[in-house]
Amino acid sequence: MATQTLTEQNFDEVVTGNDVVLVDFWADWCGPCKSFAPTYEASSEKHPDVVFGKVDTESEQGLAAAAQIRSIPTIMAFREGVLVFAQPGALPPAALEDLIGQVKDLDMEEVRKQLAEQQSQ
């Protein structure tokens, strides 16, 4: 599956409506973003069960602000609507593949339990 453009209008629906969603926050003027794009696109072809979204931080400034993006590219991973990974910087292909594997292998019952414990403190 190719990458899809995420906007303020469809972001929540895509994130909550799919099991695993990766999001690349990028901008056209960003050299590292352009270098990372082929890696991200290639990974999207290998993982049809994962939604690969892209947020153009220039045209979606409100969404970038809401996501507290301070540096681009920033990669976020959501599993069952829960943010489970967020890190600025382009990932090499092997690291991106490792991240996808880790997100798929998460025990979401345990993740939700940990989140509930953190929120109760």
PDB file of N, CA and C in Angstrom:
ATOM      1  N   MET A   1       0.851  -1.189   0.000  1.00  0.00           N
ATOM      2  CA  MET A   1       0.000   0.000   0.000  1.00  0.00           C
ATOM      3  C   MET A   1       0.888   1.241   0.000  1.00  0.00           C
ATOM      4  N   ALA A   2       0.587   2.164  -0.843  1.00  0.00           N
ATOM      5  CA  ALA A   2       1.354   3.403  -0.913  1.00  0.00           C
ATOM      6  C   ALA A   2       1.005   4.286   0.282  1.00  0.00           C
ATOM      7  N   THR A   3       1.817   5.291   0.472  1.00  0.00           N
ATOM      8  CA  THR A   3       1.558   6.214   1.577  1.00  0.00           C
ATOM      9  C   THR A   3       0.330   7.060   1.273  1.00  0.00           C
ATOM     10  N   GLN A   4      -0.304   7.550   2.324  1.00  0.00           N
ATOM     11  CA  GLN A   4      -1.456   8.420   2.127  1.00  0.00           C
ATOM     12  C   GLN A   4      -1.253   9.724   2.877  1.00  0.00           C
ATOM     13  N   THR A   5      -1.810  10.786   2.324  1.00  0.00           N
ATOM     14  CA  THR A   5      -1.702  12.110   2.921  1.00  0.00           C
ATOM     15  C   THR A   5      -2.665  12.217   4.089  1.00  0.00           C
ATOM     16  N   LEU A   6      -2.144  12.658   5.219  1.00  0.00           N
ATOM     17  CA  LEU A   6      -2.972  12.871   6.400  1.00  0.00           C
ATOM     18  C   LEU A   6      -3.137  14.372   6.630  1.00  0.00           C
ATOM     19  N   THR A   7      -4.367  14.753   6.978  1.00  0.00           N
ATOM     20  CA  THR A   7      -4.701  16.153   7.236  1.00  0.00           C
ATOM     21  C   THR A   7      -5.439  16.238   8.562  1.00  0.00           C
ATOM     22  N   GLU A   8      -5.710  17.462   9.000  1.00  0.00           N
ATOM     23  CA  GLU A   8      -6.502  17.624  10.222  1.00  0.00           C
ATOM     24  C   GLU A   8      -7.861  16.950  10.070  1.00  0.00           C
ATOM     25  N   GLN A   9      -8.381  16.919   8.839  1.00  0.00           N
ATOM     26  CA  GLN A   9      -9.702  16.362   8.607  1.00  0.00           C
ATOM     27  C   GLN A   9      -9.732  14.828   8.728  1.00  0.00           C
ATOM     28  N   ASN A  10      -8.668  14.127   8.342  1.00  0.00           N
ATOM     29  CA  ASN A  10      -8.727  12.660   8.342  1.00  0.00           C
ATOM     30  C   ASN A  10      -7.782  11.987   9.338  1.00  0.00           C
ATOM     31  N   PHE A  11      -6.949  12.742  10.035  1.00  0.00           N
ATOM     32  CA  PHE A  11      -5.919  12.159  10.905  1.00  0.00           C
ATOM     33  C   PHE A  11      -6.520  11.224  11.954  1.00  0.00           C
ATOM     34  N   ASP A  12      -7.455  11.724  12.757  1.00  0.00           N
ATOM     35  CA  ASP A  12      -8.021  10.905  13.836  1.00  0.00           C
ATOM     36  C   ASP A  12      -8.720   9.655  13.296  1.00  0.00           C
ATOM     37  N   GLU A  13      -9.448   9.816  12.205  1.00  0.00           N
ATOM     38  CA  GLU A  13     -10.158   8.692  11.609  1.00  0.00           C
ATOM     39  C   GLU A  13      -9.183   7.606  11.152  1.00  0.00           C
ATOM     40  N   VAL A  14      -8.084   8.001  10.519  1.00  0.00           N
ATOM     41  CA  VAL A  14      -7.097   7.028  10.037  1.00  0.00           C
ATOM     42  C   VAL A  14      -6.416   6.343  11.222  1.00  0.00           C
ATOM     43  N   VAL A  15      -6.004   7.125  12.222  1.00  0.00           N
ATOM     44  CA  VAL A  15      -5.278   6.576  13.368  1.00  0.00           C
ATOM     45  C   VAL A  15      -6.146   5.628  14.193  1.00  0.00           C
ATOM     46  N   THR A  16      -7.397   5.998  14.410  1.00  0.00           N
ATOM     47  CA  THR A  16      -8.259   5.158  15.246  1.00  0.00           C
ATOM     48  C   THR A  16      -8.943   4.045  14.459  1.00  0.00           C
ATOM     49  N   GLY A  17      -8.978   4.166  13.136  1.00  0.00           N
ATOM     50  CA  GLY A  17      -9.680   3.186  12.327  1.00  0.00           C
ATOM     51  C   GLY A  17      -8.812   2.073  11.765  1.00  0.00           C
ATOM     52  N   ASN A  18      -7.536   2.052  12.136  1.00  0.00           N
ATOM     53  CA  ASN A  18      -6.612   1.037  11.632  1.00  0.00           C
ATOM     54  C   ASN A  18      -5.781   0.479  12.777  1.00  0.00           C
ATOM     55  N   ASP A  19      -5.327  -0.759  12.621  1.00  0.00           N
ATOM     56  CA  ASP A  19      -4.569  -1.418  13.685  1.00  0.00           C
ATOM     57  C   ASP A  19      -3.205  -0.770  13.888  1.00  0.00           C
ATOM     58  N   VAL A  20      -2.412  -0.668  12.818  1.00  0.00           N
ATOM     59  CA  VAL A  20      -1.065  -0.080  12.913  1.00  0.00           C
ATOM     60  C   VAL A  20      -0.969   1.058  11.906  1.00  0.00           C
ATOM     61  N   VAL A  21      -0.584   2.230  12.410  1.00  0.00           N
ATOM     62  CA  VAL A  21      -0.431   3.408  11.559  1.00  0.00           C
ATOM     63  C   VAL A  21       0.921   4.049  11.862  1.00  0.00           C
ATOM     64  N   LEU A  22       1.727   4.237  10.816  1.00  0.00           N
ATOM     65  CA  LEU A  22       2.962   5.006  10.923  1.00  0.00           C
ATOM     66  C   LEU A  22       2.716   6.363  10.287  1.00  0.00           C
ATOM     67  N   VAL A  23       3.251   7.405  10.909  1.00  0.00           N
ATOM     68  CA  VAL A  23       3.071   8.754  10.390  1.00  0.00           C
ATOM     69  C   VAL A  23       4.434   9.418  10.265  1.00  0.00           C
ATOM     70  N   ASP A  24       4.684   9.953   9.079  1.00  0.00           N
ATOM     71  CA  ASP A  24       5.912  10.693   8.783  1.00  0.00           C
ATOM     72  C   ASP A  24       5.546  12.170   8.700  1.00  0.00           C
ATOM     73  N   PHE A  25       6.032  12.966   9.654  1.00  0.00           N
ATOM     74  CA  PHE A  25       5.862  14.418   9.608  1.00  0.00           C
ATOM     75  C   PHE A  25       7.050  14.976   8.843  1.00  0.00           C
ATOM     76  N   TRP A  26       6.803  15.711   7.758  1.00  0.00           N
ATOM     77  CA  TRP A  26       7.848  16.143   6.849  1.00  0.00           C
ATOM     78  C   TRP A  26       7.525  17.529   6.281  1.00  0.00           C
ATOM     79  N   ALA A  27       8.471  18.067   5.517  1.00  0.00           N
ATOM     80  CA  ALA A  27       8.253  19.315   4.775  1.00  0.00           C
ATOM     81  C   ALA A  27       9.070  19.251   3.488  1.00  0.00           C
ATOM     82  N   ASP A  28       8.590  19.937   2.472  1.00  0.00           N
ATOM     83  CA  ASP A  28       9.223  19.910   1.154  1.00  0.00           C
ATOM     84  C   ASP A  28      10.640  20.478   1.169  1.00  0.00           C
ATOM     85  N   TRP A  29      10.901  21.445   2.054  1.00  0.00           N
ATOM     86  CA  TRP A  29      12.211  22.094   2.102  1.00  0.00           C
ATOM     87  C   TRP A  29      13.239  21.309   2.922  1.00  0.00           C
ATOM     88  N   CYS A  30      12.818  20.220   3.535  1.00  0.00           N
ATOM     89  CA  CYS A  30      13.659  19.462   4.479  1.00  0.00           C
ATOM     90  C   CYS A  30      14.461  18.381   3.746  1.00  0.00           C
ATOM     91  N   GLY A  31      15.770  18.556   3.681  1.00  0.00           N
ATOM     92  CA  GLY A  31      16.649  17.587   3.021  1.00  0.00           C
ATOM     93  C   GLY A  31      16.547  16.183   3.590  1.00  0.00           C
ATOM     94  N   PRO A  32      16.683  16.017   4.924  1.00  0.00           N
ATOM     95  CA  PRO A  32      16.558  14.679   5.499  1.00  0.00           C
ATOM     96  C   PRO A  32      15.191  14.044   5.222  1.00  0.00           C
ATOM     97  N   CYS A  33      14.144  14.867   5.159  1.00  0.00           N
ATOM     98  CA  CYS A  33      12.806  14.342   4.849  1.00  0.00           C
ATOM     99  C   CYS A  33      12.788  13.746   3.449  1.00  0.00           C
ATOM    100  N   LYS A  34      13.382  14.468   2.501  1.00  0.00           N
ATOM    101  CA  LYS A  34      13.422  13.988   1.109  1.00  0.00           C
ATOM    102  C   LYS A  34      14.272  12.724   0.998  1.00  0.00           C
ATOM    103  N   SER A  35      15.352  12.646   1.771  1.00  0.00           N
ATOM    104  CA  SER A  35      16.203  11.453   1.753  1.00  0.00           C
ATOM    105  C   SER A  35      15.487  10.247   2.340  1.00  0.00           C
ATOM    106  N   PHE A  36      14.635  10.478   3.351  1.00  0.00           N
ATOM    107  CA  PHE A  36      13.927   9.401   4.031  1.00  0.00           C
ATOM    108  C   PHE A  36      12.719   8.902   3.226  1.00  0.00           C
ATOM    109  N   ALA A  37      12.152   9.750   2.384  1.00  0.00           N
ATOM    110  CA  ALA A  37      10.922   9.420   1.663  1.00  0.00           C
ATOM    111  C   ALA A  37      10.984   8.093   0.898  1.00  0.00           C
ATOM    112  N   PRO A  38      12.050   7.799   0.140  1.00  0.00           N
ATOM    113  CA  PRO A  38      12.079   6.509  -0.574  1.00  0.00           C
ATOM    114  C   PRO A  38      12.097   5.299   0.367  1.00  0.00           C
ATOM    115  N   THR A  39      12.760   5.417   1.499  1.00  0.00           N
ATOM    116  CA  THR A  39      12.790   4.334   2.494  1.00  0.00           C
ATOM    117  C   THR A  39      11.383   4.089   3.029  1.00  0.00           C
ATOM    118  N   TYR A  40      10.693   5.173   3.357  1.00  0.00           N
ATOM    119  CA  TYR A  40       9.335   5.088   3.900  1.00  0.00           C
ATOM    120  C   TYR A  40       8.385   4.484   2.864  1.00  0.00           C
ATOM    121  N   GLU A  41       8.494   4.949   1.631  1.00  0.00           N
ATOM    122  CA  GLU A  41       7.645   4.454   0.550  1.00  0.00           C
ATOM    123  C   GLU A  41       7.903   2.963   0.294  1.00  0.00           C
ATOM    124  N   ALA A  42       9.171   2.560   0.267  1.00  0.00           N
ATOM    125  CA  ALA A  42       9.517   1.155   0.039  1.00  0.00           C
ATOM    126  C   ALA A  42       8.950   0.273   1.151  1.00  0.00           C
ATOM    127  N   SER A  43       9.023   0.756   2.384  1.00  0.00           N
ATOM    128  CA  SER A  43       8.494  -0.005   3.512  1.00  0.00           C
ATOM    129  C   SER A  43       6.973  -0.143   3.395  1.00  0.00           C
ATOM    130  N   SER A  44       6.318   0.901   2.888  1.00  0.00           N
ATOM    131  CA  SER A  44       4.859   0.836   2.741  1.00  0.00           C
ATOM    132  C   SER A  44       4.455  -0.251   1.752  1.00  0.00           C
ATOM    133  N   GLU A  45       5.310  -0.512   0.776  1.00  0.00           N
ATOM    134  CA  GLU A  45       5.023  -1.569  -0.201  1.00  0.00           C
ATOM    135  C   GLU A  45       5.182  -2.964   0.419  1.00  0.00           C
ATOM    136  N   LYS A  46       6.063  -3.082   1.409  1.00  0.00           N
ATOM    137  CA  LYS A  46       6.319  -4.377   2.061  1.00  0.00           C
ATOM    138  C   LYS A  46       5.271  -4.734   3.107  1.00  0.00           C
ATOM    139  N   HIS A  47       4.552  -3.741   3.598  1.00  0.00           N
ATOM    140  CA  HIS A  47       3.631  -3.956   4.722  1.00  0.00           C
ATOM    141  C   HIS A  47       2.225  -3.467   4.379  1.00  0.00           C
ATOM    142  N   PRO A  48       1.487  -4.230   3.570  1.00  0.00           N
ATOM    143  CA  PRO A  48       0.135  -3.795   3.204  1.00  0.00           C
ATOM    144  C   PRO A  48      -0.835  -3.758   4.384  1.00  0.00           C
ATOM    145  N   ASP A  49      -0.458  -4.393   5.494  1.00  0.00           N
ATOM    146  CA  ASP A  49      -1.314  -4.409   6.682  1.00  0.00           C
ATOM    147  C   ASP A  49      -1.091  -3.184   7.576  1.00  0.00           C
ATOM    148  N   VAL A  50      -0.148  -2.319   7.206  1.00  0.00           N
ATOM    149  CA  VAL A  50       0.165  -1.117   7.980  1.00  0.00           C
ATOM    150  C   VAL A  50      -0.206   0.100   7.134  1.00  0.00           C
ATOM    151  N   VAL A  51      -0.839   1.088   7.771  1.00  0.00           N
ATOM    152  CA  VAL A  51      -1.136   2.336   7.073  1.00  0.00           C
ATOM    153  C   VAL A  51       0.071   3.259   7.244  1.00  0.00           C
ATOM    154  N   PHE A  52       0.594   3.737   6.141  1.00  0.00           N
ATOM    155  CA  PHE A  52       1.716   4.681   6.142  1.00  0.00           C
ATOM    156  C   PHE A  52       1.176   6.050   5.750  1.00  0.00           C
ATOM    157  N   GLY A  53       1.131   6.957   6.712  1.00  0.00           N
ATOM    158  CA  GLY A  53       0.626   8.297   6.455  1.00  0.00           C
ATOM    159  C   GLY A  53       1.748   9.318   6.454  1.00  0.00           C
ATOM    160  N   LYS A  54       1.502  10.412   5.745  1.00  0.00           N
ATOM    161  CA  LYS A  54       2.459  11.515   5.697  1.00  0.00           C
ATOM    162  C   LYS A  54       1.725  12.815   6.010  1.00  0.00           C
ATOM    163  N   VAL A  55       2.339  13.623   6.875  1.00  0.00           N
ATOM    164  CA  VAL A  55       1.787  14.927   7.216  1.00  0.00           C
ATOM    165  C   VAL A  55       2.779  15.990   6.766  1.00  0.00           C
ATOM    166  N   ASP A  56       2.358  16.821   5.825  1.00  0.00           N
ATOM    167  CA  ASP A  56       3.163  17.960   5.382  1.00  0.00           C
ATOM    168  C   ASP A  56       3.026  19.050   6.438  1.00  0.00           C
ATOM    169  N   THR A  57       4.090  19.273   7.196  1.00  0.00           N
ATOM    170  CA  THR A  57       4.029  20.210   8.322  1.00  0.00           C
ATOM    171  C   THR A  57       3.817  21.653   7.881  1.00  0.00           C
ATOM    172  N   GLU A  58       4.093  21.958   6.621  1.00  0.00           N
ATOM    173  CA  GLU A  58       3.861  23.308   6.115  1.00  0.00           C
ATOM    174  C   GLU A  58       2.373  23.551   5.865  1.00  0.00           C
ATOM    175  N   SER A  59       1.703  22.601   5.241  1.00  0.00           N
ATOM    176  CA  SER A  59       0.287  22.791   4.934  1.00  0.00           C
ATOM    177  C   SER A  59      -0.614  22.373   6.091  1.00  0.00           C
ATOM    178  N   GLU A  60      -0.080  21.612   7.031  1.00  0.00           N
ATOM    179  CA  GLU A  60      -0.854  21.139   8.186  1.00  0.00           C
ATOM    180  C   GLU A  60      -0.204  21.616   9.490  1.00  0.00           C
ATOM    181  N   GLN A  61      -0.026  22.923   9.597  1.00  0.00           N
ATOM    182  CA  GLN A  61       0.664  23.477  10.764  1.00  0.00           C
ATOM    183  C   GLN A  61      -0.086  23.222  12.067  1.00  0.00           C
ATOM    184  N   GLY A  62      -1.411  23.253  12.017  1.00  0.00           N
ATOM    185  CA  GLY A  62      -2.203  22.977  13.215  1.00  0.00           C
ATOM    186  C   GLY A  62      -2.016  21.550  13.702  1.00  0.00           C
ATOM    187  N   LEU A  63      -1.983  20.618  12.772  1.00  0.00           N
ATOM    188  CA  LEU A  63      -1.778  19.207  13.108  1.00  0.00           C
ATOM    189  C   LEU A  63      -0.370  18.987  13.648  1.00  0.00           C
ATOM    190  N   ALA A  64       0.620  19.623  13.020  1.00  0.00           N
ATOM    191  CA  ALA A  64       2.001  19.509  13.492  1.00  0.00           C
ATOM    192  C   ALA A  64       2.134  20.092  14.900  1.00  0.00           C
ATOM    193  N   ALA A  65       1.466  21.200  15.152  1.00  0.00           N
ATOM    194  CA  ALA A  65       1.508  21.812  16.487  1.00  0.00           C
ATOM    195  C   ALA A  65       0.832  20.907  17.513  1.00  0.00           C
ATOM    196  N   ALA A  66      -0.315  20.342  17.146  1.00  0.00           N
ATOM    197  CA  ALA A  66      -1.035  19.451  18.062  1.00  0.00           C
ATOM    198  C   ALA A  66      -0.198  18.219  18.398  1.00  0.00           C
ATOM    199  N   ALA A  67       0.607  17.761  17.425  1.00  0.00           N
ATOM    200  CA  ALA A  67       1.476  16.599  17.640  1.00  0.00           C
ATOM    201  C   ALA A  67       2.801  16.986  18.291  1.00  0.00           C
ATOM    202  N   GLN A  68       2.960  18.263  18.589  1.00  0.00           N
ATOM    203  CA  GLN A  68       4.174  18.798  19.237  1.00  0.00           C
ATOM    204  C   GLN A  68       5.431  18.469  18.442  1.00  0.00           C
ATOM    205  N   ILE A  69       5.359  18.655  17.127  1.00  0.00           N
ATOM    206  CA  ILE A  69       6.506  18.410  16.260  1.00  0.00           C
ATOM    207  C   ILE A  69       7.491  19.552  16.414  1.00  0.00           C
ATOM    208  N   ARG A  70       8.714  19.230  16.799  1.00  0.00           N
ATOM    209  CA  ARG A  70       9.763  20.232  16.997  1.00  0.00           C
ATOM    210  C   ARG A  70      10.879  20.098  15.978  1.00  0.00           C
ATOM    211  N   SER A  71      10.959  18.931  15.353  1.00  0.00           N
ATOM    212  CA  SER A  71      12.028  18.631  14.404  1.00  0.00           C
ATOM    213  C   SER A  71      11.466  17.666  13.367  1.00  0.00           C
ATOM    214  N   ILE A  72      11.900  17.836  12.132  1.00  0.00           N
ATOM    215  CA  ILE A  72      11.441  16.923  11.085  1.00  0.00           C
ATOM    216  C   ILE A  72      12.629  16.334  10.358  1.00  0.00           C
ATOM    217  N   PRO A  73      12.490  15.129   9.818  1.00  0.00           N
ATOM    218  CA  PRO A  73      11.285  14.317   9.920  1.00  0.00           C
ATOM    219  C   PRO A  73      11.088  13.776  11.335  1.00  0.00           C
ATOM    220  N   THR A  74       9.852  13.579  11.702  1.00  0.00           N
ATOM    221  CA  THR A  74       9.499  12.880  12.934  1.00  0.00           C
ATOM    222  C   THR A  74       8.607  11.712  12.551  1.00  0.00           C
ATOM    223  N   ILE A  75       8.906  10.549  13.105  1.00  0.00           N
ATOM    224  CA  ILE A  75       8.120   9.349  12.860  1.00  0.00           C
ATOM    225  C   ILE A  75       7.310   9.040  14.119  1.00  0.00           C
ATOM    226  N   MET A  76       6.027   8.798  13.916  1.00  0.00           N
ATOM    227  CA  MET A  76       5.162   8.353  15.002  1.00  0.00           C
ATOM    228  C   MET A  76       4.531   7.030  14.596  1.00  0.00           C
ATOM    229  N   ALA A  77       4.328   6.169  15.588  1.00  0.00           N
ATOM    230  CA  ALA A  77       3.656   4.893  15.349  1.00  0.00           C
ATOM    231  C   ALA A  77       2.481   4.786  16.313  1.00  0.00           C
ATOM    232  N   PHE A  78       1.353   4.403  15.758  1.00  0.00           N
ATOM    233  CA  PHE A  78       0.136   4.190  16.538  1.00  0.00           C
ATOM    234  C   PHE A  78      -0.283   2.738  16.389  1.00  0.00           C
ATOM    235  N   ARG A  79      -0.726   2.160  17.497  1.00  0.00           N
ATOM    236  CA  ARG A  79      -1.264   0.799  17.475  1.00  0.00           C
ATOM    237  C   ARG A  79      -2.608   0.852  18.170  1.00  0.00           C
ATOM    238  N   GLU A  80      -3.641   0.441  17.462  1.00  0.00           N
ATOM    239  CA  GLU A  80      -5.005   0.462  17.986  1.00  0.00           C
ATOM    240  C   GLU A  80      -5.360   1.839  18.545  1.00  0.00           C
ATOM    241  N   GLY A  81      -4.924   2.890  17.836  1.00  0.00           N
ATOM    242  CA  GLY A  81      -5.242   4.259  18.222  1.00  0.00           C
ATOM    243  C   GLY A  81      -4.372   4.848  19.312  1.00  0.00           C
ATOM    244  N   VAL A  82      -3.399   4.081  19.816  1.00  0.00           N
ATOM    245  CA  VAL A  82      -2.531   4.533  20.912  1.00  0.00           C
ATOM    246  C   VAL A  82      -1.153   4.889  20.352  1.00  0.00           C
ATOM    247  N   LEU A  83      -0.665   6.080  20.689  1.00  0.00           N
ATOM    248  CA  LEU A  83       0.680   6.474  20.283  1.00  0.00           C
ATOM    249  C   LEU A  83       1.681   5.618  21.057  1.00  0.00           C
ATOM    250  N   VAL A  84       2.477   4.816  20.340  1.00  0.00           N
ATOM    251  CA  VAL A  84       3.419   3.910  20.997  1.00  0.00           C
ATOM    252  C   VAL A  84       4.874   4.253  20.674  1.00  0.00           C
ATOM    253  N   PHE A  85       5.094   5.199  19.742  1.00  0.00           N
ATOM    254  CA  PHE A  85       6.462   5.571  19.368  1.00  0.00           C
ATOM    255  C   PHE A  85       6.423   6.944  18.725  1.00  0.00           C
ATOM    256  N   ALA A  86       7.382   7.770  19.100  1.00  0.00           N
ATOM    257  CA  ALA A  86       7.555   9.075  18.459  1.00  0.00           C
ATOM    258  C   ALA A  86       9.023   9.454  18.575  1.00  0.00           C
ATOM    259  N   GLN A  87       9.629   9.734  17.427  1.00  0.00           N
ATOM    260  CA  GLN A  87      11.053  10.066  17.436  1.00  0.00           C
ATOM    261  C   GLN A  87      11.392  10.924  16.217  1.00  0.00           C
ATOM    262  N   PRO A  88      12.101  12.038  16.458  1.00  0.00           N
ATOM    263  CA  PRO A  88      12.566  12.810  15.312  1.00  0.00           C
ATOM    264  C   PRO A  88      13.765  12.130  14.656  1.00  0.00           C
ATOM    265  N   GLY A  89      13.919  12.379  13.368  1.00  0.00           N
ATOM    266  CA  GLY A  89      15.068  11.844  12.646  1.00  0.00           C
ATOM    267  C   GLY A  89      14.672  10.753  11.673  1.00  0.00           C
ATOM    268  N   ALA A  90      15.348  10.734  10.556  1.00  0.00           N
ATOM    269  CA  ALA A  90      15.115   9.705   9.544  1.00  0.00           C
ATOM    270  C   ALA A  90      15.689   8.383  10.027  1.00  0.00           C
ATOM    271  N   LEU A  91      14.953   7.314   9.798  1.00  0.00           N
ATOM    272  CA  LEU A  91      15.417   5.987  10.188  1.00  0.00           C
ATOM    273  C   LEU A  91      16.009   5.271   8.978  1.00  0.00           C
ATOM    274  N   PRO A  92      17.122   4.557   9.169  1.00  0.00           N
ATOM    275  CA  PRO A  92      17.617   3.712   8.085  1.00  0.00           C
ATOM    276  C   PRO A  92      16.620   2.568   7.843  1.00  0.00           C
ATOM    277  N   PRO A  93      16.649   1.955   6.658  1.00  0.00           N
ATOM    278  CA  PRO A  93      15.675   0.903   6.343  1.00  0.00           C
ATOM    279  C   PRO A  93      15.571  -0.195   7.403  1.00  0.00           C
ATOM    280  N   ALA A  94      16.695  -0.679   7.894  1.00  0.00           N
ATOM    281  CA  ALA A  94      16.655  -1.770   8.878  1.00  0.00           C
ATOM    282  C   ALA A  94      15.987  -1.316  10.178  1.00  0.00           C
ATOM    283  N   ALA A  95      16.248  -0.090  10.598  1.00  0.00           N
ATOM    284  CA  ALA A  95      15.635   0.426  11.829  1.00  0.00           C
ATOM    285  C   ALA A  95      14.132   0.612  11.656  1.00  0.00           C
ATOM    286  N   LEU A  96      13.706   1.056  10.482  1.00  0.00           N
ATOM    287  CA  LEU A  96      12.275   1.209  10.217  1.00  0.00           C
ATOM    288  C   LEU A  96      11.586  -0.153  10.237  1.00  0.00           C
ATOM    289  N   GLU A  97      12.205  -1.147   9.630  1.00  0.00           N
ATOM    290  CA  GLU A  97      11.645  -2.502   9.639  1.00  0.00           C
ATOM    291  C   GLU A  97      11.565  -3.045  11.066  1.00  0.00           C
ATOM    292  N   ASP A  98      12.604  -2.786  11.865  1.00  0.00           N
ATOM    293  CA  ASP A  98      12.619  -3.229  13.259  1.00  0.00           C
ATOM    294  C   ASP A  98      11.485  -2.553  14.036  1.00  0.00           C
ATOM    295  N   LEU A  99      11.303  -1.256  13.824  1.00  0.00           N
ATOM    296  CA  LEU A  99      10.234  -0.521  14.493  1.00  0.00           C
ATOM    297  C   LEU A  99       8.871  -1.128  14.159  1.00  0.00           C
ATOM    298  N   ILE A 100       8.638  -1.394  12.884  1.00  0.00           N
ATOM    299  CA  ILE A 100       7.356  -1.967  12.463  1.00  0.00           C
ATOM    300  C   ILE A 100       7.130  -3.316  13.152  1.00  0.00           C
ATOM    301  N   GLY A 101       8.166  -4.139  13.205  1.00  0.00           N
ATOM    302  CA  GLY A 101       8.052  -5.434  13.882  1.00  0.00           C
ATOM    303  C   GLY A 101       7.730  -5.285  15.351  1.00  0.00           C
ATOM    304  N   GLN A 102       8.381  -4.347  16.009  1.00  0.00           N
ATOM    305  CA  GLN A 102       8.134  -4.133  17.435  1.00  0.00           C
ATOM    306  C   GLN A 102       6.716  -3.638  17.683  1.00  0.00           C
ATOM    307  N   VAL A 103       6.239  -2.726  16.838  1.00  0.00           N
ATOM    308  CA  VAL A 103       4.878  -2.205  17.005  1.00  0.00           C
ATOM    309  C   VAL A 103       3.861  -3.325  16.801  1.00  0.00           C
ATOM    310  N   LYS A 104       4.071  -4.162  15.792  1.00  0.00           N
ATOM    311  CA  LYS A 104       3.155  -5.278  15.530  1.00  0.00           C
ATOM    312  C   LYS A 104       3.154  -6.279  16.683  1.00  0.00           C
ATOM    313  N   ASP A 105       4.297  -6.440  17.353  1.00  0.00           N
ATOM    314  CA  ASP A 105       4.427  -7.439  18.417  1.00  0.00           C
ATOM    315  C   ASP A 105       3.979  -6.949  19.794  1.00  0.00           C
ATOM    316  N   LEU A 106       3.612  -5.690  19.903  1.00  0.00           N
ATOM    317  CA  LEU A 106       3.226  -5.156  21.202  1.00  0.00           C
ATOM    318  C   LEU A 106       2.021  -5.896  21.775  1.00  0.00           C
ATOM    319  N   ASP A 107       2.055  -6.101  23.086  1.00  0.00           N
ATOM    320  CA  ASP A 107       0.911  -6.634  23.825  1.00  0.00           C
ATOM    321  C   ASP A 107       0.083  -5.415  24.230  1.00  0.00           C
ATOM    322  N   MET A 108      -0.966  -5.123  23.463  1.00  0.00           N
ATOM    323  CA  MET A 108      -1.722  -3.894  23.691  1.00  0.00           C
ATOM    324  C   MET A 108      -2.475  -3.899  25.015  1.00  0.00           C
ATOM    325  N   GLU A 109      -2.801  -5.062  25.528  1.00  0.00           N
ATOM    326  CA  GLU A 109      -3.427  -5.129  26.846  1.00  0.00           C
ATOM    327  C   GLU A 109      -2.449  -4.589  27.898  1.00  0.00           C
ATOM    328  N   GLU A 110      -1.189  -4.990  27.764  1.00  0.00           N
ATOM    329  CA  GLU A 110      -0.152  -4.518  28.692  1.00  0.00           C
ATOM    330  C   GLU A 110       0.106  -3.019  28.506  1.00  0.00           C
ATOM    331  N   VAL A 111       0.126  -2.554  27.260  1.00  0.00           N
ATOM    332  CA  VAL A 111       0.337  -1.127  26.981  1.00  0.00           C
ATOM    333  C   VAL A 111      -0.771  -0.293  27.624  1.00  0.00           C
ATOM    334  N   ARG A 112      -2.008  -0.728  27.449  1.00  0.00           N
ATOM    335  CA  ARG A 112      -3.133   0.018  28.037  1.00  0.00           C
ATOM    336  C   ARG A 112      -3.073   0.009  29.563  1.00  0.00           C
ATOM    337  N   LYS A 113      -2.646  -1.112  30.115  1.00  0.00           N
ATOM    338  CA  LYS A 113      -2.505  -1.218  31.576  1.00  0.00           C
ATOM    339  C   LYS A 113      -1.462  -0.216  32.071  1.00  0.00           C
ATOM    340  N   GLN A 114      -0.328  -0.142  31.382  1.00  0.00           N
ATOM    341  CA  GLN A 114       0.728   0.804  31.765  1.00  0.00           C
ATOM    342  C   GLN A 114       0.249   2.242  31.630  1.00  0.00           C
ATOM    343  N   LEU A 115      -0.482   2.545  30.555  1.00  0.00           N
ATOM    344  CA  LEU A 115      -1.012   3.887  30.370  1.00  0.00           C
ATOM    345  C   LEU A 115      -1.972   4.266  31.500  1.00  0.00           C
ATOM    346  N   ALA A 116      -2.825   3.324  31.867  1.00  0.00           N
ATOM    347  CA  ALA A 116      -3.780   3.578  32.944  1.00  0.00           C
ATOM    348  C   ALA A 116      -3.057   3.850  34.257  1.00  0.00           C
ATOM    349  N   GLU A 117      -1.982   3.100  34.520  1.00  0.00           N
ATOM    350  CA  GLU A 117      -1.196   3.307  35.739  1.00  0.00           C
ATOM    351  C   GLU A 117      -0.535   4.683  35.719  1.00  0.00           C
ATOM    352  N   GLN A 118       0.006   5.088  34.584  1.00  0.00           N
ATOM    353  CA  GLN A 118       0.653   6.393  34.470  1.00  0.00           C
ATOM    354  C   GLN A 118      -0.348   7.523  34.680  1.00  0.00           C
ATOM    355  N   GLN A 119      -1.538   7.368  34.125  1.00  0.00           N
ATOM    356  CA  GLN A 119      -2.548   8.417  34.234  1.00  0.00           C
ATOM    357  C   GLN A 119      -3.117   8.531  35.629  1.00  0.00           C
ATOM    358  N   SER A 120      -3.078   7.437  36.406  1.00  0.00           N
ATOM    359  CA  SER A 120      -3.626   7.476  37.756  1.00  0.00           C
ATOM    360  C   SER A 120      -2.647   8.088  38.766  1.00  0.00           C
ATOM    361  N   GLN A 121      -1.397   8.264  38.343  1.00  0.00           N
ATOM    362  CA  GLN A 121      -0.403   8.824  39.272  1.00  0.00           C
ATOM    363  C   GLN A 121      -0.428  10.325  39.314  1.00  0.00           C
TER     364      GLN A 121
END
